[in-house]
Amino acid sequence: MREYHLSKSDIDVIMQRIRDGWPRHVSTGIKKPKSLKIIEMDDGSIDDNSILVGEGMILVIKDGMILPFLTMNSLLALFPSVTVDMGAVKHVCNGADVMRPGIVNMDEFDKGGIVGVNDERYGKYIAVGIASVSSNDARAMSKGVVVYNKHYIGDRFWEECKRRSIT
């Protein structure tokens, strides 16, 4: 596991990837950090299994995608979300994808977009994923995967930030 600060040009690349991959209303509100530390979880490239920590910003890079960390509530609130029933919480927090029968409410989202996952009782974010279908298609489904789970409470990113007291 390596940890180091990114160069200004690497920060520019990260910010460009955020502008290209996130909805415009979200990405325009993010200020470029003066410094950004990366924690590489695996021996490999910056594009996979890393945590980015900057001024008021914690992000996860998984499968080449940049996702907000689960404690970034104000940032996550800018993305669409789905609410799952309490029976689905245990499964989602063990890494399961979000299935249609467990969803009790959903915002509007496009296929391939970043989606937050909330629990029904407390409304807390328990996962962040990528939509496998659009919200319109999901509403018409009775079963199947709606959100691919990429980052969830208790995963290795969560545990590493907890271990390092990063919140």
Protein backbone atom coordinates (compact mmCIF):
# COMPACT_ATOMS: atom_id res chain seq x y z
CA MET A 1 0.00 0.00 0.00
CA ARG A 2 1.49 3.30 -1.11
CA GLU A 3 0.55 6.79 0.01
CA TYR A 4 1.78 9.99 -1.63
CA HIS A 5 0.72 13.46 -2.73
CA LEU A 6 -0.25 13.99 -6.34
CA SER A 7 1.46 16.56 -8.52
CA LYS A 8 -0.50 19.58 -9.73
CA SER A 9 -0.76 18.04 -13.21
CA ASP A 10 -2.12 14.79 -11.73
CA ILE A 11 -4.68 16.81 -9.75
CA ASP A 12 -5.68 18.50 -13.01
CA VAL A 13 -6.20 15.05 -14.60
CA ILE A 14 -8.37 13.93 -11.65
CA MET A 15 -10.45 17.12 -11.83
CA GLN A 16 -10.92 16.65 -15.58
CA ARG A 17 -12.07 13.07 -15.01
CA ILE A 18 -14.59 14.36 -12.46
CA ARG A 19 -15.85 17.01 -14.91
CA ASP A 20 -16.15 14.38 -17.66
CA GLY A 21 -17.72 11.62 -15.56
CA TRP A 22 -20.00 13.40 -13.11
CA PRO A 23 -23.17 15.41 -13.81
CA ARG A 24 -22.40 19.02 -14.65
CA HIS A 25 -24.31 20.45 -11.67
CA VAL A 26 -22.14 18.33 -9.35
CA SER A 27 -18.73 18.71 -10.96
CA THR A 28 -18.93 22.50 -11.35
CA GLY A 29 -19.37 22.89 -7.59
CA ILE A 30 -16.16 21.08 -6.75
CA LYS A 31 -13.14 23.28 -6.18
CA LYS A 32 -9.73 22.09 -7.27
CA PRO A 33 -7.83 21.13 -4.11
CA LYS A 34 -4.40 22.65 -3.53
CA SER A 35 -3.13 19.24 -2.50
CA LEU A 36 -4.47 15.74 -2.96
CA LYS A 37 -3.14 12.64 -1.30
CA ILE A 38 -3.66 9.23 -2.82
CA ILE A 39 -3.72 5.97 -0.90
CA GLU A 40 -3.24 3.07 -3.31
CA MET A 41 -4.87 -0.02 -1.85
CA ASP A 42 -3.17 -2.41 -4.27
CA ASP A 43 0.13 -2.44 -6.06
CA GLY A 44 -1.04 -1.05 -9.34
CA SER A 45 -2.13 2.06 -11.09
CA ILE A 46 -3.80 5.22 -9.87
CA ASP A 47 -6.90 4.14 -11.82
CA ASP A 48 -8.01 1.36 -9.52
CA ASN A 49 -8.60 0.71 -5.84
CA SER A 50 -7.39 4.01 -4.43
CA ILE A 51 -8.60 6.62 -1.99
CA LEU A 52 -8.15 10.33 -2.73
CA VAL A 53 -8.02 12.69 0.25
CA GLY A 54 -7.99 16.46 -0.15
CA GLU A 55 -9.34 19.60 1.49
CA GLY A 56 -12.86 18.61 2.53
CA MET A 57 -12.88 15.85 -0.06
CA ILE A 58 -12.65 12.06 0.13
CA LEU A 59 -13.09 10.08 -3.07
CA VAL A 60 -12.75 6.45 -4.06
CA ILE A 61 -11.32 5.22 -7.34
CA LYS A 62 -12.68 1.80 -8.23
CA ASP A 63 -12.81 0.12 -11.61
CA GLY A 64 -11.39 3.30 -13.14
CA MET A 65 -14.28 5.42 -11.85
CA ILE A 66 -14.12 8.23 -9.29
CA LEU A 67 -16.87 7.97 -6.66
CA PRO A 68 -17.71 10.06 -3.60
CA PHE A 69 -16.80 8.43 -0.27
CA LEU A 70 -19.80 7.48 1.89
CA THR A 71 -19.14 10.13 4.55
CA MET A 72 -19.35 12.92 1.95
CA ASN A 73 -23.07 13.45 2.60
CA SER A 74 -23.35 16.93 1.08
CA LEU A 75 -21.65 15.71 -2.10
CA LEU A 76 -23.67 12.49 -2.26
CA ALA A 77 -26.89 14.48 -1.87
CA LEU A 78 -26.19 16.05 -5.29
CA PHE A 79 -26.41 12.64 -6.98
CA PRO A 80 -29.62 10.67 -7.53
CA SER A 81 -30.33 7.96 -4.98
CA VAL A 82 -32.36 4.86 -4.35
CA THR A 83 -33.83 3.89 -1.00
CA VAL A 84 -33.76 0.23 -0.02
CA ASP A 85 -35.90 -1.59 2.52
CA MET A 86 -34.29 -2.75 5.76
CA GLY A 87 -34.18 -6.35 4.52
CA ALA A 88 -31.77 -5.32 1.76
CA VAL A 89 -29.40 -3.34 3.99
CA LYS A 90 -27.46 -6.35 5.28
CA HIS A 91 -26.90 -7.65 1.76
CA VAL A 92 -25.87 -4.27 0.31
CA CYS A 93 -23.45 -3.74 3.24
CA ASN A 94 -21.90 -7.11 2.37
CA GLY A 95 -21.27 -5.97 -1.21
CA ALA A 96 -24.39 -7.23 -2.99
CA ASP A 97 -25.71 -5.25 -5.93
CA VAL A 98 -28.98 -3.39 -5.38
CA MET A 99 -31.83 -5.51 -6.70
CA ARG A 100 -35.21 -4.17 -7.82
CA PRO A 101 -37.33 -5.96 -5.18
CA GLY A 102 -35.41 -4.23 -2.36
CA ILE A 103 -35.95 -0.70 -3.68
CA VAL A 104 -38.80 1.27 -2.11
CA ASN A 105 -38.07 4.66 -3.70
CA MET A 106 -35.83 6.07 -6.42
CA ASP A 107 -34.85 9.39 -7.96
CA GLU A 108 -34.45 9.92 -11.70
CA PHE A 109 -31.13 8.59 -13.08
CA ASP A 110 -29.56 7.41 -16.31
CA LYS A 111 -27.91 4.11 -17.04
CA GLY A 112 -24.22 4.31 -16.10
CA GLY A 113 -24.69 7.21 -13.68
CA ILE A 114 -23.47 7.36 -10.09
CA VAL A 115 -26.26 6.54 -7.62
CA GLY A 116 -26.29 6.76 -3.82
CA VAL A 117 -28.04 4.03 -1.83
CA ASN A 118 -29.95 4.98 1.35
CA ASP A 119 -31.59 2.80 3.96
CA GLU A 120 -35.32 3.18 4.50
CA ARG A 121 -35.31 3.66 8.28
CA TYR A 122 -32.56 6.24 8.84
CA GLY A 123 -32.02 7.64 5.34
CA LYS A 124 -28.25 7.16 5.68
CA TYR A 125 -26.00 6.37 2.75
CA ILE A 126 -24.93 2.73 2.89
CA ALA A 127 -23.47 2.39 -0.61
CA VAL A 128 -22.54 4.15 -3.83
CA GLY A 129 -22.87 2.44 -7.16
CA ILE A 130 -23.42 2.67 -10.87
CA ALA A 131 -26.88 2.37 -12.40
CA SER A 132 -27.24 -0.76 -14.53
CA VAL A 133 -30.44 0.63 -16.06
CA SER A 134 -32.21 3.97 -16.15
CA SER A 135 -34.74 4.81 -13.44
CA ASN A 136 -37.54 4.55 -16.01
CA ASP A 137 -36.48 1.02 -16.92
CA ALA A 138 -36.01 0.14 -13.23
CA ARG A 139 -39.57 1.17 -12.40
CA ALA A 140 -40.84 -1.23 -15.07
CA MET A 141 -38.79 -4.13 -13.66
CA SER A 142 -39.98 -6.57 -11.02
CA LYS A 143 -36.57 -8.20 -10.50
CA GLY A 144 -32.95 -7.77 -11.50
CA VAL A 145 -29.95 -5.56 -10.75
CA VAL A 146 -30.62 -1.81 -10.68
CA VAL A 147 -27.37 -0.52 -9.15
CA TYR A 148 -23.96 -2.19 -9.27
CA ASN A 149 -22.49 -1.79 -5.77
CA LYS A 150 -19.02 -0.18 -5.97
CA HIS A 151 -18.43 1.23 -2.46
CA TYR A 152 -20.29 0.28 0.72
CA ILE A 153 -20.09 0.50 4.50
CA GLY A 154 -17.54 -2.00 5.72
CA ASP A 155 -15.66 -2.43 2.43
CA ARG A 156 -11.89 -2.12 2.28
CA PHE A 157 -12.03 1.62 1.49
CA TRP A 158 -14.32 2.22 4.48
CA GLU A 159 -12.12 0.16 6.80
CA GLU A 160 -8.89 1.83 5.64
CA CYS A 161 -10.30 5.33 6.21
CA LYS A 162 -11.61 4.22 9.60
CA ARG A 163 -8.19 2.79 10.50
CA ARG A 164 -6.52 6.08 9.49
CA SER A 165 -9.23 8.25 11.15
CA ILE A 166 -10.12 9.86 7.81
CA THR A 167 -13.72 11.06 7.73
